[in-house]
Structures are given as C-alpha cells and as structure tokens.
Amino acid sequence: MLRHKTVKKLTLMAVLTSAALIIFVIEAQIPLPIAVPGVKLGLANTVTLFALFYSRGVARGVDDLNVGDVFMILICRILLGVLFTARMTALIYSLAGGLPALAVQAIMKRFVSGRQIWACGAVGAAIHNIGQILAAMVVTGTPAIIAYLPVLIVTGIITGVLTGLITQLSLARIVKRTGD
C-alpha cells in the first residue's frame, strides 16, 4: 500500500505534468510575431524549473521532488505533448533539448539561490537550443544549421530569463503564503 507522502508526491507530480502539458499545447497553437522560425517562449519550462526548485517549505507533508521526479515530469510532458499536438518529429528535438537542459539546471541548482532561478532558466534555455541544433544537424545531415545557433541562443537566453523569473516569483509567492 502506498504511504500518504508517496500519494501526495505522485499527485503533485501529476498536477505539475498536467500544468506543463497544458502550457505546452496552448503555446504550440500560438505563433509568435517573430520572423525567426523555431523561436518560442518555452513557458512549459516554468513548470520544470518549479519542480526542480520545489522544496518542503512550500507544502508540508510532501517530500522534496528529486531530479528523478523532475525527469519523469519532463518525459511525461514531452511524450504526451507530442501525442496531443501530433508533432512526432518534435519528440527528437524536445528530448535533445530538454534532457541536457534539465541536467545542467540540476547541477546549477546546487550553486544558485532562490533569487537566481532566472539565471538557471537562461542557461537551461541556451543548452536546450544547443541540443536542438545538434539534433537538427544529425536529422537533416546539414552542418550549416549551426549558423542559426547564435540567434537561437540570444532569443533562448531572453526567454529563459523570462521563464526563470516567472518561476522565481511564483515560488517566492507560494513560500510567502505558507509562512516560511
């Protein structure tokens, strides 16, 4: 039988996965008014960052989410997002960007404070774009795609700061409300 804490943790993971999936699907339907293909806000990453920086101080009775839990949230969001949007080729690019970004963000978590989550978002977005460009080079067999990387890194850093700030402010507000 599952312990009460385990049920709460699984429920939290399901809610976070659902939130990330909803954000991902909505964002996939809204084109940005930018002439650069492939650029998007990456708002679903706010949920990944939230889960990564989530702590016991936010909700009593729930164990911290570890990197494995956040990995599962990310994988579920990617797989379900690909199924819901019917963009099967997005699977390769989402995994190639999302997994290394999460790995780097998990390492950065050890070194940044709750006031520096924005930096983790920026670096994660840049790593995400590097992973996607490498995947595109392999899939298309076109090494010249790397010329597109500087544009993606700059836009990624900007959007990463945004998603990081959204996460940082959300966590600060939740902690403030719980009285910690």
N, C-alpha and C. Protein backbone atom coordinates (compact mmCIF):
# COMPACT_ATOMS: atom_id res chain seq x y z
N MET A 1 0.85 -1.18 0.00
CA MET A 1 0.00 0.00 0.00
C MET A 1 0.89 1.25 0.00
N LEU A 2 0.50 2.24 -0.77
CA LEU A 2 1.27 3.47 -0.85
C LEU A 2 1.11 4.28 0.42
N ARG A 3 2.22 4.83 0.87
CA ARG A 3 2.17 5.71 2.03
C ARG A 3 1.53 7.04 1.64
N HIS A 4 1.04 7.74 2.63
CA HIS A 4 0.37 9.02 2.42
C HIS A 4 1.29 10.01 1.71
N LYS A 5 2.56 10.08 2.11
CA LYS A 5 3.51 11.01 1.49
C LYS A 5 3.75 10.64 0.02
N THR A 6 3.79 9.36 -0.27
CA THR A 6 4.01 8.91 -1.65
C THR A 6 2.84 9.31 -2.52
N VAL A 7 1.63 9.15 -2.01
CA VAL A 7 0.44 9.53 -2.77
C VAL A 7 0.45 11.04 -3.03
N LYS A 8 0.80 11.82 -2.01
CA LYS A 8 0.86 13.28 -2.18
C LYS A 8 1.91 13.66 -3.22
N LYS A 9 3.05 12.98 -3.17
CA LYS A 9 4.12 13.29 -4.12
C LYS A 9 3.70 12.93 -5.55
N LEU A 10 3.10 11.77 -5.73
CA LEU A 10 2.63 11.36 -7.06
C LEU A 10 1.55 12.31 -7.57
N THR A 11 0.68 12.74 -6.67
CA THR A 11 -0.36 13.69 -7.06
C THR A 11 0.25 15.01 -7.49
N LEU A 12 1.22 15.50 -6.73
CA LEU A 12 1.90 16.73 -7.10
C LEU A 12 2.58 16.58 -8.45
N MET A 13 3.25 15.47 -8.68
CA MET A 13 3.91 15.24 -9.97
C MET A 13 2.89 15.21 -11.11
N ALA A 14 1.74 14.60 -10.88
CA ALA A 14 0.70 14.55 -11.91
C ALA A 14 0.15 15.94 -12.21
N VAL A 15 -0.05 16.73 -11.16
CA VAL A 15 -0.56 18.09 -11.35
C VAL A 15 0.46 18.93 -12.12
N LEU A 16 1.74 18.80 -11.76
CA LEU A 16 2.78 19.56 -12.46
C LEU A 16 2.91 19.12 -13.92
N THR A 17 2.82 17.82 -14.15
CA THR A 17 2.87 17.31 -15.53
C THR A 17 1.69 17.85 -16.33
N SER A 18 0.51 17.84 -15.73
CA SER A 18 -0.68 18.36 -16.42
C SER A 18 -0.53 19.84 -16.73
N ALA A 19 -0.04 20.61 -15.76
CA ALA A 19 0.15 22.05 -15.98
C ALA A 19 1.14 22.30 -17.12
N ALA A 20 2.25 21.57 -17.10
CA ALA A 20 3.26 21.74 -18.16
C ALA A 20 2.68 21.34 -19.52
N LEU A 21 1.90 20.28 -19.54
CA LEU A 21 1.30 19.81 -20.80
C LEU A 21 0.31 20.84 -21.35
N ILE A 22 -0.52 21.38 -20.48
CA ILE A 22 -1.49 22.38 -20.92
C ILE A 22 -0.77 23.60 -21.48
N ILE A 23 0.24 24.06 -20.78
CA ILE A 23 1.01 25.22 -21.25
C ILE A 23 1.67 24.91 -22.59
N PHE A 24 2.26 23.72 -22.71
CA PHE A 24 2.93 23.31 -23.94
C PHE A 24 1.97 23.28 -25.13
N VAL A 25 0.80 22.68 -24.93
CA VAL A 25 -0.18 22.55 -26.01
C VAL A 25 -0.71 23.92 -26.42
N ILE A 26 -1.02 24.77 -25.46
CA ILE A 26 -1.51 26.12 -25.78
C ILE A 26 -0.43 26.90 -26.52
N GLU A 27 0.78 26.85 -26.02
CA GLU A 27 1.87 27.60 -26.65
C GLU A 27 2.14 27.11 -28.08
N ALA A 28 1.96 25.82 -28.32
CA ALA A 28 2.18 25.27 -29.67
C ALA A 28 1.16 25.81 -30.67
N GLN A 29 0.02 26.29 -30.17
CA GLN A 29 -1.03 26.80 -31.06
C GLN A 29 -0.92 28.29 -31.33
N ILE A 30 -0.06 28.98 -30.59
CA ILE A 30 0.05 30.43 -30.71
C ILE A 30 1.36 30.81 -31.39
N PRO A 31 1.29 31.30 -32.62
CA PRO A 31 2.53 31.71 -33.30
C PRO A 31 3.03 33.03 -32.72
N LEU A 32 4.33 33.12 -32.54
CA LEU A 32 4.93 34.37 -32.06
C LEU A 32 5.12 35.33 -33.23
N PRO A 33 4.98 36.61 -33.00
CA PRO A 33 5.17 37.59 -34.08
C PRO A 33 6.66 37.88 -34.33
N ILE A 34 7.43 36.80 -34.45
CA ILE A 34 8.87 36.92 -34.69
C ILE A 34 9.18 36.16 -35.97
N ALA A 35 9.99 36.76 -36.82
CA ALA A 35 10.29 36.15 -38.12
C ALA A 35 11.34 35.04 -38.03
N VAL A 36 11.72 34.67 -36.84
CA VAL A 36 12.74 33.64 -36.66
C VAL A 36 12.05 32.31 -36.38
N PRO A 37 12.13 31.35 -37.31
CA PRO A 37 11.47 30.06 -37.09
C PRO A 37 12.10 29.30 -35.92
N GLY A 38 11.25 28.61 -35.18
CA GLY A 38 11.74 27.80 -34.07
C GLY A 38 11.80 28.52 -32.74
N VAL A 39 11.64 29.83 -32.75
CA VAL A 39 11.69 30.59 -31.50
C VAL A 39 10.33 30.49 -30.82
N LYS A 40 10.36 30.13 -29.55
CA LYS A 40 9.13 30.14 -28.75
C LYS A 40 9.49 30.50 -27.32
N LEU A 41 8.49 30.84 -26.56
CA LEU A 41 8.75 31.28 -25.19
C LEU A 41 9.22 30.14 -24.29
N GLY A 42 8.77 28.94 -24.52
CA GLY A 42 9.16 27.82 -23.68
C GLY A 42 8.56 27.90 -22.28
N LEU A 43 7.32 28.35 -22.21
CA LEU A 43 6.68 28.57 -20.91
C LEU A 43 6.48 27.28 -20.11
N ALA A 44 6.42 26.14 -20.79
CA ALA A 44 6.29 24.88 -20.06
C ALA A 44 7.52 24.63 -19.18
N ASN A 45 8.63 25.28 -19.53
CA ASN A 45 9.83 25.13 -18.72
C ASN A 45 9.67 25.76 -17.34
N THR A 46 8.71 26.66 -17.17
CA THR A 46 8.48 27.21 -15.84
C THR A 46 8.08 26.10 -14.88
N VAL A 47 7.33 25.14 -15.38
CA VAL A 47 6.90 24.03 -14.53
C VAL A 47 8.09 23.13 -14.20
N THR A 48 8.96 22.89 -15.17
CA THR A 48 10.15 22.08 -14.92
C THR A 48 11.04 22.76 -13.88
N LEU A 49 11.26 24.05 -14.03
CA LEU A 49 12.06 24.79 -13.05
C LEU A 49 11.39 24.81 -11.68
N PHE A 50 10.07 24.99 -11.67
CA PHE A 50 9.33 24.98 -10.42
C PHE A 50 9.55 23.65 -9.71
N ALA A 51 9.39 22.55 -10.44
CA ALA A 51 9.56 21.23 -9.85
C ALA A 51 10.98 21.03 -9.36
N LEU A 52 11.95 21.55 -10.10
CA LEU A 52 13.36 21.38 -9.72
C LEU A 52 13.68 22.15 -8.43
N PHE A 53 13.12 23.33 -8.28
CA PHE A 53 13.42 24.16 -7.12
C PHE A 53 12.40 24.03 -6.00
N TYR A 54 11.42 23.20 -6.21
CA TYR A 54 10.37 22.96 -5.22
C TYR A 54 11.00 22.37 -3.95
N SER A 55 10.53 22.80 -2.80
CA SER A 55 11.09 22.26 -1.56
C SER A 55 10.00 22.03 -0.53
N ARG A 56 10.35 21.33 0.53
CA ARG A 56 9.42 21.02 1.60
C ARG A 56 8.79 22.27 2.20
N GLY A 57 9.52 23.36 2.17
CA GLY A 57 8.99 24.60 2.74
C GLY A 57 7.75 25.08 2.03
N VAL A 58 7.52 24.61 0.81
CA VAL A 58 6.37 25.07 0.04
C VAL A 58 5.10 24.33 0.46
N ALA A 59 5.18 23.04 0.67
CA ALA A 59 3.99 22.27 1.04
C ALA A 59 4.38 21.20 2.05
N ARG A 60 3.87 21.33 3.23
CA ARG A 60 4.20 20.37 4.27
C ARG A 60 3.59 19.00 3.95
N GLY A 61 4.27 17.96 4.34
CA GLY A 61 3.75 16.62 4.14
C GLY A 61 4.11 16.01 2.80
N VAL A 62 4.87 16.75 1.98
CA VAL A 62 5.30 16.23 0.69
C VAL A 62 6.82 16.26 0.66
N ASP A 63 7.41 15.15 0.34
CA ASP A 63 8.87 15.11 0.22
C ASP A 63 9.31 15.99 -0.93
N ASP A 64 10.57 16.45 -0.85
CA ASP A 64 11.13 17.21 -1.96
C ASP A 64 11.05 16.38 -3.24
N LEU A 65 10.89 17.08 -4.34
CA LEU A 65 10.98 16.41 -5.62
C LEU A 65 12.46 16.32 -5.97
N ASN A 66 12.91 15.13 -6.29
CA ASN A 66 14.32 14.99 -6.66
C ASN A 66 14.46 15.07 -8.18
N VAL A 67 15.68 15.04 -8.66
CA VAL A 67 15.93 15.18 -10.10
C VAL A 67 15.23 14.07 -10.88
N GLY A 68 15.17 12.88 -10.32
CA GLY A 68 14.46 11.78 -10.99
C GLY A 68 12.98 12.08 -11.16
N ASP A 69 12.38 12.69 -10.13
CA ASP A 69 10.97 13.07 -10.22
C ASP A 69 10.77 14.13 -11.31
N VAL A 70 11.65 15.11 -11.34
CA VAL A 70 11.56 16.18 -12.34
C VAL A 70 11.78 15.60 -13.74
N PHE A 71 12.71 14.66 -13.85
CA PHE A 71 12.95 13.95 -15.12
C PHE A 71 11.67 13.28 -15.60
N MET A 72 10.96 12.61 -14.69
CA MET A 72 9.72 11.93 -15.06
C MET A 72 8.65 12.92 -15.50
N ILE A 73 8.56 14.06 -14.81
CA ILE A 73 7.61 15.11 -15.21
C ILE A 73 7.93 15.59 -16.62
N LEU A 74 9.22 15.84 -16.88
CA LEU A 74 9.65 16.32 -18.19
C LEU A 74 9.35 15.29 -19.29
N ILE A 75 9.70 14.04 -19.04
CA ILE A 75 9.48 12.98 -20.03
C ILE A 75 7.99 12.81 -20.32
N CYS A 76 7.19 12.79 -19.27
CA CYS A 76 5.74 12.65 -19.48
C CYS A 76 5.18 13.82 -20.27
N ARG A 77 5.63 15.03 -19.94
CA ARG A 77 5.16 16.21 -20.67
C ARG A 77 5.57 16.14 -22.14
N ILE A 78 6.80 15.73 -22.40
CA ILE A 78 7.26 15.64 -23.79
C ILE A 78 6.48 14.58 -24.56
N LEU A 79 6.35 13.39 -24.00
CA LEU A 79 5.65 12.31 -24.69
C LEU A 79 4.18 12.65 -24.92
N LEU A 80 3.51 13.15 -23.89
CA LEU A 80 2.10 13.50 -24.04
C LEU A 80 1.94 14.71 -24.96
N GLY A 81 2.85 15.66 -24.87
CA GLY A 81 2.79 16.83 -25.74
C GLY A 81 2.91 16.47 -27.20
N VAL A 82 3.80 15.54 -27.50
CA VAL A 82 3.98 15.07 -28.87
C VAL A 82 2.71 14.36 -29.35
N LEU A 83 2.10 13.56 -28.48
CA LEU A 83 0.86 12.87 -28.86
C LEU A 83 -0.30 13.85 -29.05
N PHE A 84 -0.42 14.82 -28.14
CA PHE A 84 -1.55 15.75 -28.20
C PHE A 84 -1.44 16.74 -29.35
N THR A 85 -0.23 17.12 -29.71
CA THR A 85 -0.07 18.09 -30.80
C THR A 85 0.16 17.39 -32.14
N ALA A 86 0.32 16.07 -32.12
CA ALA A 86 0.54 15.27 -33.33
C ALA A 86 1.78 15.72 -34.09
N ARG A 87 2.78 16.16 -33.38
CA ARG A 87 4.04 16.57 -33.99
C ARG A 87 5.12 15.57 -33.57
N MET A 88 5.12 14.43 -34.23
CA MET A 88 6.02 13.35 -33.85
C MET A 88 7.50 13.72 -34.00
N THR A 89 7.83 14.56 -34.96
CA THR A 89 9.23 14.95 -35.12
C THR A 89 9.70 15.81 -33.94
N ALA A 90 8.76 16.41 -33.24
CA ALA A 90 9.11 17.23 -32.08
C ALA A 90 9.72 16.38 -30.96
N LEU A 91 9.45 15.08 -30.98
CA LEU A 91 9.99 14.20 -29.94
C LEU A 91 11.51 14.27 -29.89
N ILE A 92 12.15 14.14 -31.04
CA ILE A 92 13.61 14.16 -31.11
C ILE A 92 14.14 15.49 -30.60
N TYR A 93 13.56 16.58 -31.07
CA TYR A 93 14.05 17.91 -30.71
C TYR A 93 13.76 18.24 -29.24
N SER A 94 12.60 17.83 -28.75
CA SER A 94 12.27 18.08 -27.35
C SER A 94 13.19 17.31 -26.40
N LEU A 95 13.47 16.07 -26.74
CA LEU A 95 14.37 15.28 -25.90
C LEU A 95 15.81 15.79 -25.99
N ALA A 96 16.23 16.13 -27.22
CA ALA A 96 17.60 16.61 -27.43
C ALA A 96 17.84 17.94 -26.72
N GLY A 97 16.81 18.73 -26.56
CA GLY A 97 16.94 20.00 -25.86
C GLY A 97 16.63 19.89 -24.38
N GLY A 98 15.55 19.21 -24.06
CA GLY A 98 15.08 19.14 -22.68
C GLY A 98 15.96 18.38 -21.72
N LEU A 99 16.48 17.25 -22.14
CA LEU A 99 17.29 16.43 -21.24
C LEU A 99 18.61 17.09 -20.84
N PRO A 100 19.39 17.60 -21.80
CA PRO A 100 20.62 18.29 -21.37
C PRO A 100 20.33 19.57 -20.59
N ALA A 101 19.24 20.26 -20.93
CA ALA A 101 18.89 21.47 -20.19
C ALA A 101 18.58 21.12 -18.73
N LEU A 102 17.81 20.07 -18.51
CA LEU A 102 17.50 19.64 -17.15
C LEU A 102 18.77 19.24 -16.40
N ALA A 103 19.66 18.52 -17.08
CA ALA A 103 20.90 18.09 -16.43
C ALA A 103 21.72 19.30 -15.95
N VAL A 104 21.86 20.29 -16.81
CA VAL A 104 22.63 21.48 -16.45
C VAL A 104 21.91 22.27 -15.35
N GLN A 105 20.60 22.38 -15.44
CA GLN A 105 19.86 23.10 -14.42
C GLN A 105 19.94 22.39 -13.07
N ALA A 106 19.93 21.07 -13.08
CA ALA A 106 20.06 20.31 -11.83
C ALA A 106 21.42 20.56 -11.19
N ILE A 107 22.45 20.66 -11.99
CA ILE A 107 23.78 20.97 -11.46
C ILE A 107 23.80 22.40 -10.93
N MET A 108 23.23 23.33 -11.70
CA MET A 108 23.21 24.73 -11.28
C MET A 108 22.44 24.93 -9.98
N LYS A 109 21.42 24.12 -9.75
CA LYS A 109 20.60 24.26 -8.55
C LYS A 109 21.46 24.23 -7.28
N ARG A 110 22.54 23.50 -7.34
CA ARG A 110 23.44 23.40 -6.17
C ARG A 110 24.15 24.72 -5.88
N PHE A 111 24.24 25.58 -6.88
CA PHE A 111 25.06 26.78 -6.75
C PHE A 111 24.28 28.09 -6.76
N VAL A 112 22.99 28.03 -7.09
CA VAL A 112 22.21 29.27 -7.15
C VAL A 112 21.21 29.33 -6.00
N SER A 113 20.88 30.55 -5.62
CA SER A 113 19.90 30.75 -4.56
C SER A 113 18.51 30.88 -5.17
N GLY A 114 17.52 31.02 -4.33
CA GLY A 114 16.16 31.23 -4.79
C GLY A 114 15.98 32.53 -5.55
N ARG A 115 16.94 33.42 -5.41
CA ARG A 115 16.90 34.71 -6.13
C ARG A 115 17.64 34.66 -7.46
N GLN A 116 18.15 33.50 -7.81
CA GLN A 116 18.92 33.36 -9.06
C GLN A 116 18.35 32.29 -9.98
N ILE A 117 17.11 31.94 -9.77
CA ILE A 117 16.47 30.94 -10.62
C ILE A 117 16.42 31.45 -12.06
N TRP A 118 16.32 32.75 -12.23
CA TRP A 118 16.31 33.34 -13.58
C TRP A 118 17.57 32.95 -14.36
N ALA A 119 18.71 32.89 -13.67
CA ALA A 119 19.96 32.51 -14.33
C ALA A 119 19.91 31.05 -14.77
N CYS A 120 19.31 30.22 -13.94
CA CYS A 120 19.16 28.81 -14.28
C CYS A 120 18.25 28.65 -15.50
N GLY A 121 17.21 29.48 -15.58
CA GLY A 121 16.33 29.47 -16.74
C GLY A 121 17.06 29.88 -18.01
N ALA A 122 17.90 30.91 -17.90
CA ALA A 122 18.64 31.40 -19.07
C ALA A 122 19.63 30.37 -19.58
N VAL A 123 20.40 29.78 -18.67
CA VAL A 123 21.39 28.78 -19.08
C VAL A 123 20.69 27.54 -19.64
N GLY A 124 19.62 27.12 -18.98
CA GLY A 124 18.86 25.96 -19.47
C GLY A 124 18.32 26.18 -20.87
N ALA A 125 17.83 27.38 -21.15
CA ALA A 125 17.30 27.68 -22.48
C ALA A 125 18.41 27.64 -23.53
N ALA A 126 19.57 28.18 -23.20
CA ALA A 126 20.70 28.15 -24.14
C ALA A 126 21.13 26.71 -24.42
N ILE A 127 21.22 25.90 -23.37
CA ILE A 127 21.58 24.48 -23.54
C ILE A 127 20.51 23.76 -24.36
N HIS A 128 19.27 24.07 -24.11
CA HIS A 128 18.16 23.48 -24.86
C HIS A 128 18.32 23.76 -26.35
N ASN A 129 18.63 25.00 -26.69
CA ASN A 129 18.81 25.37 -28.09
C ASN A 129 20.02 24.69 -28.72
N ILE A 130 21.09 24.56 -27.97
CA ILE A 130 22.27 23.85 -28.48
C ILE A 130 21.92 22.40 -28.79
N GLY A 131 21.20 21.76 -27.87
CA GLY A 131 20.78 20.37 -28.08
C GLY A 131 19.90 20.22 -29.30
N GLN A 132 18.98 21.16 -29.48
CA GLN A 132 18.09 21.09 -30.63
C GLN A 132 18.83 21.31 -31.95
N ILE A 133 19.78 22.23 -31.96
CA ILE A 133 20.56 22.47 -33.19
C ILE A 133 21.39 21.23 -33.53
N LEU A 134 22.01 20.62 -32.51
CA LEU A 134 22.78 19.40 -32.77
C LEU A 134 21.88 18.30 -33.32
N ALA A 135 20.68 18.17 -32.76
CA ALA A 135 19.73 17.17 -33.26
C ALA A 135 19.33 17.48 -34.70
N ALA A 136 19.10 18.73 -35.01
CA ALA A 136 18.72 19.13 -36.37
C ALA A 136 19.86 18.83 -37.35
N MET A 137 21.09 19.04 -36.91
CA MET A 137 22.24 18.74 -37.77
C MET A 137 22.30 17.25 -38.08
N VAL A 138 22.02 16.42 -37.08
CA VAL A 138 22.06 14.97 -37.28
C VAL A 138 20.87 14.52 -38.16
N VAL A 139 19.69 15.00 -37.83
CA VAL A 139 18.48 14.59 -38.56
C VAL A 139 18.53 15.00 -40.03
N THR A 140 18.95 16.24 -40.28
CA THR A 140 18.94 16.74 -41.66
C THR A 140 20.24 16.46 -42.40
N GLY A 141 21.29 16.14 -41.65
CA GLY A 141 22.59 15.94 -42.29
C GLY A 141 23.16 17.24 -42.84
N THR A 142 22.75 18.35 -42.24
CA THR A 142 23.17 19.67 -42.71
C THR A 142 23.95 20.40 -41.62
N PRO A 143 25.27 20.33 -41.65
CA PRO A 143 26.06 21.01 -40.62
C PRO A 143 25.92 22.53 -40.64
N ALA A 144 25.50 23.09 -41.77
CA ALA A 144 25.36 24.55 -41.88
C ALA A 144 24.29 25.11 -40.95
N ILE A 145 23.43 24.26 -40.42
CA ILE A 145 22.39 24.70 -39.50
C ILE A 145 23.00 25.36 -38.26
N ILE A 146 24.23 25.02 -37.95
CA ILE A 146 24.87 25.59 -36.77
C ILE A 146 24.97 27.12 -36.86
N ALA A 147 24.93 27.67 -38.07
CA ALA A 147 24.97 29.13 -38.25
C ALA A 147 23.76 29.80 -37.61
N TYR A 148 22.72 29.05 -37.42
CA TYR A 148 21.49 29.55 -36.82
C TYR A 148 21.58 29.62 -35.29
N LEU A 149 22.59 28.97 -34.71
CA LEU A 149 22.73 28.85 -33.27
C LEU A 149 22.84 30.19 -32.54
N PRO A 150 23.63 31.15 -32.99
CA PRO A 150 23.71 32.42 -32.24
C PRO A 150 22.35 33.11 -32.05
N VAL A 151 21.52 33.09 -33.09
CA VAL A 151 20.20 33.70 -32.98
C VAL A 151 19.36 32.97 -31.94
N LEU A 152 19.40 31.63 -31.98
CA LEU A 152 18.62 30.85 -31.03
C LEU A 152 19.14 31.01 -29.60
N ILE A 153 20.44 31.12 -29.44
CA ILE A 153 20.98 31.28 -28.09
C ILE A 153 20.56 32.63 -27.51
N VAL A 154 20.64 33.68 -28.29
CA VAL A 154 20.25 35.01 -27.80
C VAL A 154 18.76 35.02 -27.43
N THR A 155 17.91 34.53 -28.34
CA THR A 155 16.48 34.51 -28.03
C THR A 155 16.19 33.55 -26.88
N GLY A 156 16.94 32.46 -26.82
CA GLY A 156 16.77 31.49 -25.73
C GLY A 156 17.12 32.08 -24.38
N ILE A 157 18.19 32.84 -24.33
CA ILE A 157 18.58 33.46 -23.06
C ILE A 157 17.50 34.45 -22.61
N ILE A 158 16.97 35.22 -23.55
CA ILE A 158 15.92 36.18 -23.20
C ILE A 158 14.68 35.46 -22.67
N THR A 159 14.23 34.44 -23.40
CA THR A 159 13.05 33.71 -22.95
C THR A 159 13.34 32.89 -21.69
N GLY A 160 14.57 32.42 -21.56
CA GLY A 160 14.96 31.67 -20.36
C GLY A 160 14.95 32.54 -19.12
N VAL A 161 15.40 33.78 -19.26
CA VAL A 161 15.33 34.72 -18.14
C VAL A 161 13.86 34.93 -17.75
N LEU A 162 13.00 35.07 -18.77
CA LEU A 162 11.57 35.25 -18.51
C LEU A 162 10.98 34.06 -17.76
N THR A 163 11.23 32.85 -18.24
CA THR A 163 10.67 31.67 -17.58
C THR A 163 11.28 31.49 -16.18
N GLY A 164 12.56 31.81 -16.06
CA GLY A 164 13.20 31.73 -14.75
C GLY A 164 12.61 32.73 -13.76
N LEU A 165 12.34 33.95 -14.22
CA LEU A 165 11.74 34.96 -13.35
C LEU A 165 10.32 34.58 -12.96
N ILE A 166 9.55 34.04 -13.91
CA ILE A 166 8.20 33.59 -13.59
C ILE A 166 8.26 32.53 -12.50
N THR A 167 9.16 31.58 -12.64
CA THR A 167 9.31 30.51 -11.65
C THR A 167 9.75 31.09 -10.31
N GLN A 168 10.75 31.94 -10.35
CA GLN A 168 11.31 32.54 -9.13
C GLN A 168 10.22 33.31 -8.36
N LEU A 169 9.45 34.12 -9.06
CA LEU A 169 8.40 34.90 -8.42
C LEU A 169 7.27 34.01 -7.91
N SER A 170 6.95 32.96 -8.67
CA SER A 170 5.90 32.03 -8.24
C SER A 170 6.29 31.31 -6.96
N LEU A 171 7.51 30.80 -6.91
CA LEU A 171 7.97 30.11 -5.71
C LEU A 171 8.04 31.05 -4.52
N ALA A 172 8.52 32.27 -4.73
CA ALA A 172 8.61 33.24 -3.64
C ALA A 172 7.23 33.56 -3.09
N ARG A 173 6.27 33.69 -3.96
CA ARG A 173 4.90 33.99 -3.53
C ARG A 173 4.30 32.82 -2.76
N ILE A 174 4.52 31.62 -3.23
CA ILE A 174 3.99 30.44 -2.54
C ILE A 174 4.63 30.29 -1.17
N VAL A 175 5.93 30.47 -1.09
CA VAL A 175 6.61 30.37 0.20
C VAL A 175 6.09 31.45 1.16
N LYS A 176 5.89 32.65 0.64
CA LYS A 176 5.38 33.74 1.46
C LYS A 176 3.99 33.41 2.00
N ARG A 177 3.15 32.82 1.16
CA ARG A 177 1.79 32.46 1.57
C ARG A 177 1.76 31.36 2.61
N THR A 178 2.72 30.44 2.55
CA THR A 178 2.73 29.34 3.52
C THR A 178 3.39 29.76 4.82
N GLY A 179 3.95 30.96 4.84
CA GLY A 179 4.53 31.49 6.06
C GLY A 179 5.94 31.04 6.35
N ASP A 180 6.61 30.46 5.38
CA ASP A 180 8.01 30.02 5.59
C ASP A 180 8.97 31.11 5.19
